[in-house]
Amino acid sequence: MSRKPNTFGGGARTNVNGLSFEQTTSLDDALKDAGYRVEKHKVYDKGNKVGLSVSQNKFYKKFLEENGIDYSTYNSKKWRPDECFVNFKNKTVYIIEKKFQNCSGSVDEKLPSCDFKKKEYVKLCVPINFKVEYLYIFNDWFTRPEYRDTLQYIKDVGCHYFYNKVPLGFLGLQEPTIYKL
């Protein structure tokens, strides 16, 4: 029997809900829908390798370690991104965190941590000459007026957010159309 994602969020179901949301969305799917080929985390456009699509620990295994970076030299712990696109052309790492809510909860307090986390990722990527962009993908819950200050803070500290979709153009890819994650 297949499980239905929790559409209510919050409380004891927060972790299950967040996990379900993350499992039902995929950067790889968005890339494939846009005409890119994804094989073993490598992203190809017309046969040319343009980047990597890595998440969680794969960010360390498939990108940092292969570039000679031992995270413990720069960070005291591993920060595991929900999704990450490494663009080889513009030498930028796009950290993508997905947040889903349908009621107020602990996610509210986590959102301003984007500044800190971006700085942690920058420490890992500067030695190999990659820039870092940190972005959230939110569901419509975060369009509510009570998020105005938090959303402004996210922008003020140089981070970004989008709703329900991954903007492939923002990721430095040729396709400027926004595709659903």
C-alpha atoms as a PDB file:
ATOM      1  CA  MET A   1       0.000   0.000   0.000  1.00  0.00           C
ATOM      2  CA  SER A   2       1.546   3.297  -1.051  1.00  0.00           C
ATOM      3  CA  ARG A   3       1.794   6.110   1.458  1.00  0.00           C
ATOM      4  CA  LYS A   4       0.224   9.494   0.936  1.00  0.00           C
ATOM      5  CA  PRO A   5       2.331  12.543   1.821  1.00  0.00           C
ATOM      6  CA  ASN A   6       1.230  14.430   4.926  1.00  0.00           C
ATOM      7  CA  THR A   7      -0.353  17.621   3.593  1.00  0.00           C
ATOM      8  CA  PHE A   8      -0.880  19.211   6.990  1.00  0.00           C
ATOM      9  CA  GLY A   9       2.649  19.568   8.363  1.00  0.00           C
ATOM     10  CA  GLY A  10       3.784  20.601  11.797  1.00  0.00           C
ATOM     11  CA  GLY A  11       3.793  18.845  15.140  1.00  0.00           C
ATOM     12  CA  ALA A  12       4.811  15.209  15.434  1.00  0.00           C
ATOM     13  CA  ARG A  13       4.449  14.809  11.653  1.00  0.00           C
ATOM     14  CA  THR A  14       6.941  17.553  10.728  1.00  0.00           C
ATOM     15  CA  ASN A  15       9.845  15.237   9.877  1.00  0.00           C
ATOM     16  CA  VAL A  16       7.645  12.773   8.025  1.00  0.00           C
ATOM     17  CA  ASN A  17       5.950  15.619   6.169  1.00  0.00           C
ATOM     18  CA  GLY A  18       9.195  17.274   5.181  1.00  0.00           C
ATOM     19  CA  LEU A  19      10.673  13.990   4.055  1.00  0.00           C
ATOM     20  CA  SER A  20       7.597  13.176   2.013  1.00  0.00           C
ATOM     21  CA  PHE A  21       7.704  16.571   0.345  1.00  0.00           C
ATOM     22  CA  GLU A  22      11.385  16.180  -0.475  1.00  0.00           C
ATOM     23  CA  GLN A  23      10.884  12.659  -1.808  1.00  0.00           C
ATOM     24  CA  THR A  24       8.107  13.753  -4.144  1.00  0.00           C
ATOM     25  CA  THR A  25      10.199  16.511  -5.748  1.00  0.00           C
ATOM     26  CA  SER A  26      13.412  16.145  -7.680  1.00  0.00           C
ATOM     27  CA  LEU A  27      15.971  18.410  -9.274  1.00  0.00           C
ATOM     28  CA  ASP A  28      16.947  15.502 -11.529  1.00  0.00           C
ATOM     29  CA  ASP A  29      13.367  15.278 -12.819  1.00  0.00           C
ATOM     30  CA  ALA A  30      13.267  19.026 -13.510  1.00  0.00           C
ATOM     31  CA  LEU A  31      16.565  18.796 -15.385  1.00  0.00           C
ATOM     32  CA  LYS A  32      15.365  15.840 -17.434  1.00  0.00           C
ATOM     33  CA  ASP A  33      12.064  17.611 -18.203  1.00  0.00           C
ATOM     34  CA  ALA A  34      14.122  20.536 -19.528  1.00  0.00           C
ATOM     35  CA  GLY A  35      16.027  18.267 -21.907  1.00  0.00           C
ATOM     36  CA  TYR A  36      19.169  17.608 -19.872  1.00  0.00           C
ATOM     37  CA  ARG A  37      20.542  14.103 -19.400  1.00  0.00           C
ATOM     38  CA  VAL A  38      21.419  13.046 -15.840  1.00  0.00           C
ATOM     39  CA  GLU A  39      23.638   9.979 -15.414  1.00  0.00           C
ATOM     40  CA  LYS A  40      25.320   9.003 -12.149  1.00  0.00           C
ATOM     41  CA  HIS A  41      24.903  12.567 -10.838  1.00  0.00           C
ATOM     42  CA  LYS A  42      26.507  14.103 -13.931  1.00  0.00           C
ATOM     43  CA  VAL A  43      24.360  16.530 -15.940  1.00  0.00           C
ATOM     44  CA  TYR A  44      24.788  16.699 -19.725  1.00  0.00           C
ATOM     45  CA  ASP A  45      23.497  19.135 -22.320  1.00  0.00           C
ATOM     46  CA  LYS A  46      23.799  17.817 -25.878  1.00  0.00           C
ATOM     47  CA  GLY A  47      26.579  15.463 -24.809  1.00  0.00           C
ATOM     48  CA  ASN A  48      28.582  18.094 -22.922  1.00  0.00           C
ATOM     49  CA  LYS A  49      28.970  17.725 -19.159  1.00  0.00           C
ATOM     50  CA  VAL A  50      27.613  20.956 -17.646  1.00  0.00           C
ATOM     51  CA  GLY A  51      27.398  20.073 -13.975  1.00  0.00           C
ATOM     52  CA  LEU A  52      26.486  17.746 -11.150  1.00  0.00           C
ATOM     53  CA  SER A  53      23.185  17.089  -9.435  1.00  0.00           C
ATOM     54  CA  VAL A  54      24.022  15.891  -5.942  1.00  0.00           C
ATOM     55  CA  SER A  55      22.167  15.851  -2.658  1.00  0.00           C
ATOM     56  CA  GLN A  56      22.878  15.086   0.966  1.00  0.00           C
ATOM     57  CA  ASN A  57      26.159  13.148   1.333  1.00  0.00           C
ATOM     58  CA  LYS A  58      26.657  12.907  -2.442  1.00  0.00           C
ATOM     59  CA  PHE A  59      27.648  16.595  -2.330  1.00  0.00           C
ATOM     60  CA  TYR A  60      30.695  15.506  -0.321  1.00  0.00           C
ATOM     61  CA  LYS A  61      31.437  12.205  -2.102  1.00  0.00           C
ATOM     62  CA  LYS A  62      30.868  13.238  -5.716  1.00  0.00           C
ATOM     63  CA  PHE A  63      32.029  16.853  -5.589  1.00  0.00           C
ATOM     64  CA  LEU A  64      34.107  17.939  -2.614  1.00  0.00           C
ATOM     65  CA  GLU A  65      36.135  14.764  -2.071  1.00  0.00           C
ATOM     66  CA  GLU A  66      36.767  14.400  -5.811  1.00  0.00           C
ATOM     67  CA  ASN A  67      38.189  17.941  -5.706  1.00  0.00           C
ATOM     68  CA  GLY A  68      40.455  17.185  -2.748  1.00  0.00           C
ATOM     69  CA  ILE A  69      38.318  18.864  -0.079  1.00  0.00           C
ATOM     70  CA  ASP A  70      38.062  17.232   3.354  1.00  0.00           C
ATOM     71  CA  TYR A  71      35.081  18.983   4.916  1.00  0.00           C
ATOM     72  CA  SER A  72      36.482  18.601   8.464  1.00  0.00           C
ATOM     73  CA  THR A  73      39.350  20.937   7.571  1.00  0.00           C
ATOM     74  CA  TYR A  74      36.806  23.746   7.029  1.00  0.00           C
ATOM     75  CA  ASN A  75      33.594  22.834   8.914  1.00  0.00           C
ATOM     76  CA  SER A  76      32.967  21.156  12.251  1.00  0.00           C
ATOM     77  CA  LYS A  77      30.076  19.155  10.794  1.00  0.00           C
ATOM     78  CA  LYS A  78      28.599  18.112   7.477  1.00  0.00           C
ATOM     79  CA  TRP A  79      25.761  20.241   6.180  1.00  0.00           C
ATOM     80  CA  ARG A  80      23.666  18.048   3.908  1.00  0.00           C
ATOM     81  CA  PRO A  81      21.731  19.953   1.240  1.00  0.00           C
ATOM     82  CA  ASP A  82      18.313  18.724   0.124  1.00  0.00           C
ATOM     83  CA  GLU A  83      19.513  19.226  -3.450  1.00  0.00           C
ATOM     84  CA  CYS A  84      22.574  20.790  -5.026  1.00  0.00           C
ATOM     85  CA  PHE A  85      23.455  21.745  -8.571  1.00  0.00           C
ATOM     86  CA  VAL A  86      27.126  22.317  -9.332  1.00  0.00           C
ATOM     87  CA  ASN A  87      27.443  24.385 -12.495  1.00  0.00           C
ATOM     88  CA  PHE A  88      30.827  23.803 -14.159  1.00  0.00           C
ATOM     89  CA  LYS A  89      30.396  26.623 -16.669  1.00  0.00           C
ATOM     90  CA  ASN A  90      29.948  29.481 -14.171  1.00  0.00           C
ATOM     91  CA  LYS A  91      31.746  27.628 -11.328  1.00  0.00           C
ATOM     92  CA  THR A  92      28.855  28.032  -8.919  1.00  0.00           C
ATOM     93  CA  VAL A  93      27.407  25.635  -6.364  1.00  0.00           C
ATOM     94  CA  TYR A  94      23.653  26.101  -5.900  1.00  0.00           C
ATOM     95  CA  ILE A  95      22.511  24.792  -2.525  1.00  0.00           C
ATOM     96  CA  ILE A  96      18.762  24.089  -2.644  1.00  0.00           C
ATOM     97  CA  GLU A  97      16.783  23.638   0.557  1.00  0.00           C
ATOM     98  CA  LYS A  98      13.112  22.698   0.304  1.00  0.00           C
ATOM     99  CA  LYS A  99      10.656  23.784   2.970  1.00  0.00           C
ATOM    100  CA  PHE A 100       7.024  22.755   3.162  1.00  0.00           C
ATOM    101  CA  GLN A 101       4.522  23.940   5.772  1.00  0.00           C
ATOM    102  CA  ASN A 102       0.771  24.037   6.223  1.00  0.00           C
ATOM    103  CA  CYS A 103       0.838  25.456   9.755  1.00  0.00           C
ATOM    104  CA  SER A 104       3.217  27.463  11.923  1.00  0.00           C
ATOM    105  CA  GLY A 105       6.055  25.435  13.340  1.00  0.00           C
ATOM    106  CA  SER A 106       9.763  25.004  13.884  1.00  0.00           C
ATOM    107  CA  VAL A 107      10.584  25.634  10.206  1.00  0.00           C
ATOM    108  CA  ASP A 108       9.802  29.306  10.851  1.00  0.00           C
ATOM    109  CA  GLU A 109      12.808  29.579  13.148  1.00  0.00           C
ATOM    110  CA  LYS A 110      15.132  27.668  10.817  1.00  0.00           C
ATOM    111  CA  LEU A 111      14.709  29.918   7.787  1.00  0.00           C
ATOM    112  CA  PRO A 112      17.053  32.722   8.942  1.00  0.00           C
ATOM    113  CA  SER A 113      19.874  30.174   9.295  1.00  0.00           C
ATOM    114  CA  CYS A 114      20.459  30.449   5.534  1.00  0.00           C
ATOM    115  CA  ASP A 115      23.124  33.115   6.120  1.00  0.00           C
ATOM    116  CA  PHE A 116      25.113  30.874   8.458  1.00  0.00           C
ATOM    117  CA  LYS A 117      24.762  27.792   6.266  1.00  0.00           C
ATOM    118  CA  LYS A 118      25.754  29.659   3.124  1.00  0.00           C
ATOM    119  CA  LYS A 119      28.930  30.810   4.879  1.00  0.00           C
ATOM    120  CA  GLU A 120      29.687  27.216   5.852  1.00  0.00           C
ATOM    121  CA  TYR A 121      29.325  26.073   2.239  1.00  0.00           C
ATOM    122  CA  VAL A 122      31.450  29.008   1.033  1.00  0.00           C
ATOM    123  CA  LYS A 123      34.305  27.817   3.281  1.00  0.00           C
ATOM    124  CA  LEU A 124      34.189  24.461   1.478  1.00  0.00           C
ATOM    125  CA  CYS A 125      34.002  25.850  -2.052  1.00  0.00           C
ATOM    126  CA  VAL A 126      36.368  28.846  -2.047  1.00  0.00           C
ATOM    127  CA  PRO A 127      39.525  26.676  -2.022  1.00  0.00           C
ATOM    128  CA  ILE A 128      38.429  25.141  -5.355  1.00  0.00           C
ATOM    129  CA  ASN A 129      37.307  28.485  -6.799  1.00  0.00           C
ATOM    130  CA  PHE A 130      33.554  27.874  -6.785  1.00  0.00           C
ATOM    131  CA  LYS A 131      31.002  30.481  -5.716  1.00  0.00           C
ATOM    132  CA  VAL A 132      27.968  29.510  -3.640  1.00  0.00           C
ATOM    133  CA  GLU A 133      24.316  30.489  -3.988  1.00  0.00           C
ATOM    134  CA  TYR A 134      21.863  29.356  -1.341  1.00  0.00           C
ATOM    135  CA  LEU A 135      18.187  29.124  -2.177  1.00  0.00           C
ATOM    136  CA  TYR A 136      14.966  27.870  -0.726  1.00  0.00           C
ATOM    137  CA  ILE A 137      12.109  26.265  -2.602  1.00  0.00           C
ATOM    138  CA  PHE A 138       8.949  27.014  -0.618  1.00  0.00           C
ATOM    139  CA  ASN A 139       5.382  25.901  -0.965  1.00  0.00           C
ATOM    140  CA  ASP A 140       2.620  28.535  -1.033  1.00  0.00           C
ATOM    141  CA  TRP A 141       2.353  28.594   2.772  1.00  0.00           C
ATOM    142  CA  PHE A 142       5.310  30.988   2.833  1.00  0.00           C
ATOM    143  CA  THR A 143       3.481  33.637   0.773  1.00  0.00           C
ATOM    144  CA  ARG A 144       1.538  34.532   3.934  1.00  0.00           C
ATOM    145  CA  PRO A 145       2.021  38.082   5.284  1.00  0.00           C
ATOM    146  CA  GLU A 146       3.647  36.904   8.530  1.00  0.00           C
ATOM    147  CA  TYR A 147       6.682  35.774   6.512  1.00  0.00           C
ATOM    148  CA  ARG A 148       7.368  39.232   5.076  1.00  0.00           C
ATOM    149  CA  ASP A 149      10.202  40.022   7.508  1.00  0.00           C
ATOM    150  CA  THR A 150      11.799  36.602   7.176  1.00  0.00           C
ATOM    151  CA  LEU A 151      11.648  36.710   3.383  1.00  0.00           C
ATOM    152  CA  GLN A 152      13.205  40.169   3.379  1.00  0.00           C
ATOM    153  CA  TYR A 153      15.980  38.932   5.669  1.00  0.00           C
ATOM    154  CA  ILE A 154      16.692  36.016   3.327  1.00  0.00           C
ATOM    155  CA  LYS A 155      17.181  38.510   0.479  1.00  0.00           C
ATOM    156  CA  ASP A 156      19.157  40.961   2.638  1.00  0.00           C
ATOM    157  CA  VAL A 157      21.783  38.330   3.498  1.00  0.00           C
ATOM    158  CA  GLY A 158      22.267  37.348  -0.147  1.00  0.00           C
ATOM    159  CA  CYS A 159      20.187  34.195  -0.192  1.00  0.00           C
ATOM    160  CA  HIS A 160      17.208  33.486  -2.445  1.00  0.00           C
ATOM    161  CA  TYR A 161      13.800  31.840  -2.444  1.00  0.00           C
ATOM    162  CA  PHE A 162      11.297  30.597  -4.988  1.00  0.00           C
ATOM    163  CA  TYR A 163       7.885  28.989  -4.712  1.00  0.00           C
ATOM    164  CA  ASN A 164       7.125  25.389  -5.719  1.00  0.00           C
ATOM    165  CA  LYS A 165       9.552  25.393  -8.632  1.00  0.00           C
ATOM    166  CA  VAL A 166      13.202  25.378  -9.449  1.00  0.00           C
ATOM    167  CA  PRO A 167      14.194  28.199 -11.793  1.00  0.00           C
ATOM    168  CA  LEU A 168      16.699  26.520 -14.088  1.00  0.00           C
ATOM    169  CA  GLY A 169      17.721  29.912 -15.499  1.00  0.00           C
ATOM    170  CA  PHE A 170      18.762  30.953 -11.991  1.00  0.00           C
ATOM    171  CA  LEU A 171      20.975  27.872 -11.879  1.00  0.00           C
ATOM    172  CA  GLY A 172      22.901  29.244 -14.849  1.00  0.00           C
ATOM    173  CA  LEU A 173      21.369  26.817 -17.308  1.00  0.00           C
ATOM    174  CA  GLN A 174      20.293  27.819 -20.791  1.00  0.00           C
ATOM    175  CA  GLU A 175      16.622  27.025 -20.309  1.00  0.00           C
ATOM    176  CA  PRO A 176      15.066  30.158 -18.754  1.00  0.00           C
ATOM    177  CA  THR A 177      11.641  28.565 -18.265  1.00  0.00           C
ATOM    178  CA  ILE A 178      10.680  27.671 -14.692  1.00  0.00           C
ATOM    179  CA  TYR A 179      10.035  23.972 -14.187  1.00  0.00           C
ATOM    180  CA  LYS A 180       8.232  22.287 -11.371  1.00  0.00           C
ATOM    181  CA  LEU A 181      10.466  20.544  -8.851  1.00  0.00           C
END
